Amino acid sequence: MKRTLQKIAFFFEMRSFGVCAWWAQKLGIHTNRVRVGFIYATCIGLGSPLIPYLIMAWILEHKHYFGFKRTKRSSIWEL
């Protein structure tokens, strides 16, 4: 049983999704604050924030399929 839990923990450590790091970069804050926010939200929401977290992780893992390439615009009026 202990060996199985170690394998599961190792899997998630090796394939950390970077969701919190991505949000921290977008919001301009430290990654630790985003992680603590997810932990608190998970405790308060009885685990329900894990579903959007896993969806975001899947999207970030497969973002090359969605074509999220941004081009620099010279002004805010360009579409």
C-alpha atoms as a PDB file:
ATOM      1  CA  MET A   1       0.000   0.000   0.000  1.00  0.00           C
ATOM      2  CA  LYS A   2       2.767   2.425   0.934  1.00  0.00           C
ATOM      3  CA  ARG A   3       4.647   1.634  -2.282  1.00  0.00           C
ATOM      4  CA  THR A   4       1.547   2.395  -4.358  1.00  0.00           C
ATOM      5  CA  LEU A   5       1.094   5.769  -2.679  1.00  0.00           C
ATOM      6  CA  GLN A   6       4.757   6.580  -3.326  1.00  0.00           C
ATOM      7  CA  LYS A   7       4.302   5.749  -7.017  1.00  0.00           C
ATOM      8  CA  ILE A   8       1.244   7.993  -7.219  1.00  0.00           C
ATOM      9  CA  ALA A   9       3.050  10.876  -5.477  1.00  0.00           C
ATOM     10  CA  PHE A  10       6.083  10.422  -7.737  1.00  0.00           C
ATOM     11  CA  PHE A  11       3.858  10.490 -10.830  1.00  0.00           C
ATOM     12  CA  PHE A  12       2.279  13.801  -9.835  1.00  0.00           C
ATOM     13  CA  GLU A  13       5.618  15.292  -8.818  1.00  0.00           C
ATOM     14  CA  MET A  14       7.191  14.403 -12.157  1.00  0.00           C
ATOM     15  CA  ARG A  15       4.232  15.640 -14.174  1.00  0.00           C
ATOM     16  CA  SER A  16       3.397  18.764 -12.228  1.00  0.00           C
ATOM     17  CA  PHE A  17       1.061  20.611 -14.471  1.00  0.00           C
ATOM     18  CA  GLY A  18       2.121  24.206 -13.839  1.00  0.00           C
ATOM     19  CA  VAL A  19      -1.396  25.530 -13.380  1.00  0.00           C
ATOM     20  CA  CYS A  20      -0.487  27.582 -10.308  1.00  0.00           C
ATOM     21  CA  ALA A  21       2.681  28.891 -11.960  1.00  0.00           C
ATOM     22  CA  TRP A  22       0.691  29.886 -15.048  1.00  0.00           C
ATOM     23  CA  TRP A  23      -1.930  31.724 -12.973  1.00  0.00           C
ATOM     24  CA  ALA A  24       0.777  33.418 -10.900  1.00  0.00           C
ATOM     25  CA  GLN A  25       2.505  34.632 -14.043  1.00  0.00           C
ATOM     26  CA  LYS A  26      -0.750  35.952 -15.507  1.00  0.00           C
ATOM     27  CA  LEU A  27      -1.752  37.689 -12.262  1.00  0.00           C
ATOM     28  CA  GLY A  28       1.748  38.935 -11.442  1.00  0.00           C
ATOM     29  CA  ILE A  29       1.938  37.386  -7.963  1.00  0.00           C
ATOM     30  CA  HIS A  30       4.022  34.691  -6.291  1.00  0.00           C
ATOM     31  CA  THR A  31       3.263  31.064  -7.078  1.00  0.00           C
ATOM     32  CA  ASN A  32       2.993  30.196  -3.381  1.00  0.00           C
ATOM     33  CA  ARG A  33       0.030  32.529  -2.949  1.00  0.00           C
ATOM     34  CA  VAL A  34      -1.835  30.855  -5.801  1.00  0.00           C
ATOM     35  CA  ARG A  35      -1.090  27.401  -4.374  1.00  0.00           C
ATOM     36  CA  VAL A  36      -2.278  28.422  -0.913  1.00  0.00           C
ATOM     37  CA  GLY A  37      -5.400  29.886  -2.507  1.00  0.00           C
ATOM     38  CA  PHE A  38      -6.131  26.583  -4.251  1.00  0.00           C
ATOM     39  CA  ILE A  39      -5.570  24.690  -1.002  1.00  0.00           C
ATOM     40  CA  TYR A  40      -7.941  26.965   0.929  1.00  0.00           C
ATOM     41  CA  ALA A  41     -10.520  26.875  -1.859  1.00  0.00           C
ATOM     42  CA  THR A  42     -10.358  23.086  -1.939  1.00  0.00           C
ATOM     43  CA  CYS A  43     -10.891  22.853   1.816  1.00  0.00           C
ATOM     44  CA  ILE A  44     -13.731  25.378   1.821  1.00  0.00           C
ATOM     45  CA  GLY A  45     -15.330  24.040  -1.368  1.00  0.00           C
ATOM     46  CA  LEU A  46     -15.080  20.423  -0.192  1.00  0.00           C
ATOM     47  CA  GLY A  47     -12.871  19.432  -3.115  1.00  0.00           C
ATOM     48  CA  SER A  48     -14.888  21.002  -5.905  1.00  0.00           C
ATOM     49  CA  PRO A  49     -12.050  23.354  -7.077  1.00  0.00           C
ATOM     50  CA  LEU A  50     -10.090  20.258  -8.066  1.00  0.00           C
ATOM     51  CA  ILE A  51     -12.304  19.788 -11.118  1.00  0.00           C
ATOM     52  CA  PRO A  52     -11.458  23.191 -12.704  1.00  0.00           C
ATOM     53  CA  TYR A  53      -7.814  22.667 -11.689  1.00  0.00           C
ATOM     54  CA  LEU A  54      -7.656  19.352 -13.555  1.00  0.00           C
ATOM     55  CA  ILE A  55      -9.425  20.890 -16.568  1.00  0.00           C
ATOM     56  CA  MET A  56      -6.895  23.740 -16.625  1.00  0.00           C
ATOM     57  CA  ALA A  57      -4.056  21.228 -16.269  1.00  0.00           C
ATOM     58  CA  TRP A  58      -5.365  19.245 -19.229  1.00  0.00           C
ATOM     59  CA  ILE A  59      -5.695  22.396 -21.347  1.00  0.00           C
ATOM     60  CA  LEU A  60      -2.193  23.568 -20.449  1.00  0.00           C
ATOM     61  CA  GLU A  61      -0.805  20.115 -21.204  1.00  0.00           C
ATOM     62  CA  HIS A  62      -2.477  20.070 -24.654  1.00  0.00           C
ATOM     63  CA  LYS A  63      -2.386  23.770 -25.540  1.00  0.00           C
ATOM     64  CA  HIS A  64      -0.515  23.089 -28.768  1.00  0.00           C
ATOM     65  CA  TYR A  65      -3.714  21.506 -30.129  1.00  0.00           C
ATOM     66  CA  PHE A  66      -5.777  24.622 -29.448  1.00  0.00           C
ATOM     67  CA  GLY A  67      -3.516  27.152 -31.167  1.00  0.00           C
ATOM     68  CA  PHE A  68      -3.226  29.675 -28.341  1.00  0.00           C
ATOM     69  CA  LYS A  69      -0.546  31.619 -30.177  1.00  0.00           C
ATOM     70  CA  ARG A  70      -0.616  35.321 -29.510  1.00  0.00           C
ATOM     71  CA  THR A  71       0.723  37.913 -31.842  1.00  0.00           C
ATOM     72  CA  LYS A  72       1.980  41.256 -30.630  1.00  0.00           C
ATOM     73  CA  ARG A  73      -0.274  44.105 -31.560  1.00  0.00           C
ATOM     74  CA  SER A  74       0.926  47.641 -31.959  1.00  0.00           C
ATOM     75  CA  SER A  75      -2.275  49.135 -30.536  1.00  0.00           C
ATOM     76  CA  ILE A  76      -5.307  48.024 -28.594  1.00  0.00           C
ATOM     77  CA  TRP A  77      -7.584  48.697 -31.564  1.00  0.00           C
ATOM     78  CA  GLU A  78      -6.150  45.929 -33.769  1.00  0.00           C
ATOM     79  CA  LEU A  79      -8.084  42.681 -33.845  1.00  0.00           C
END
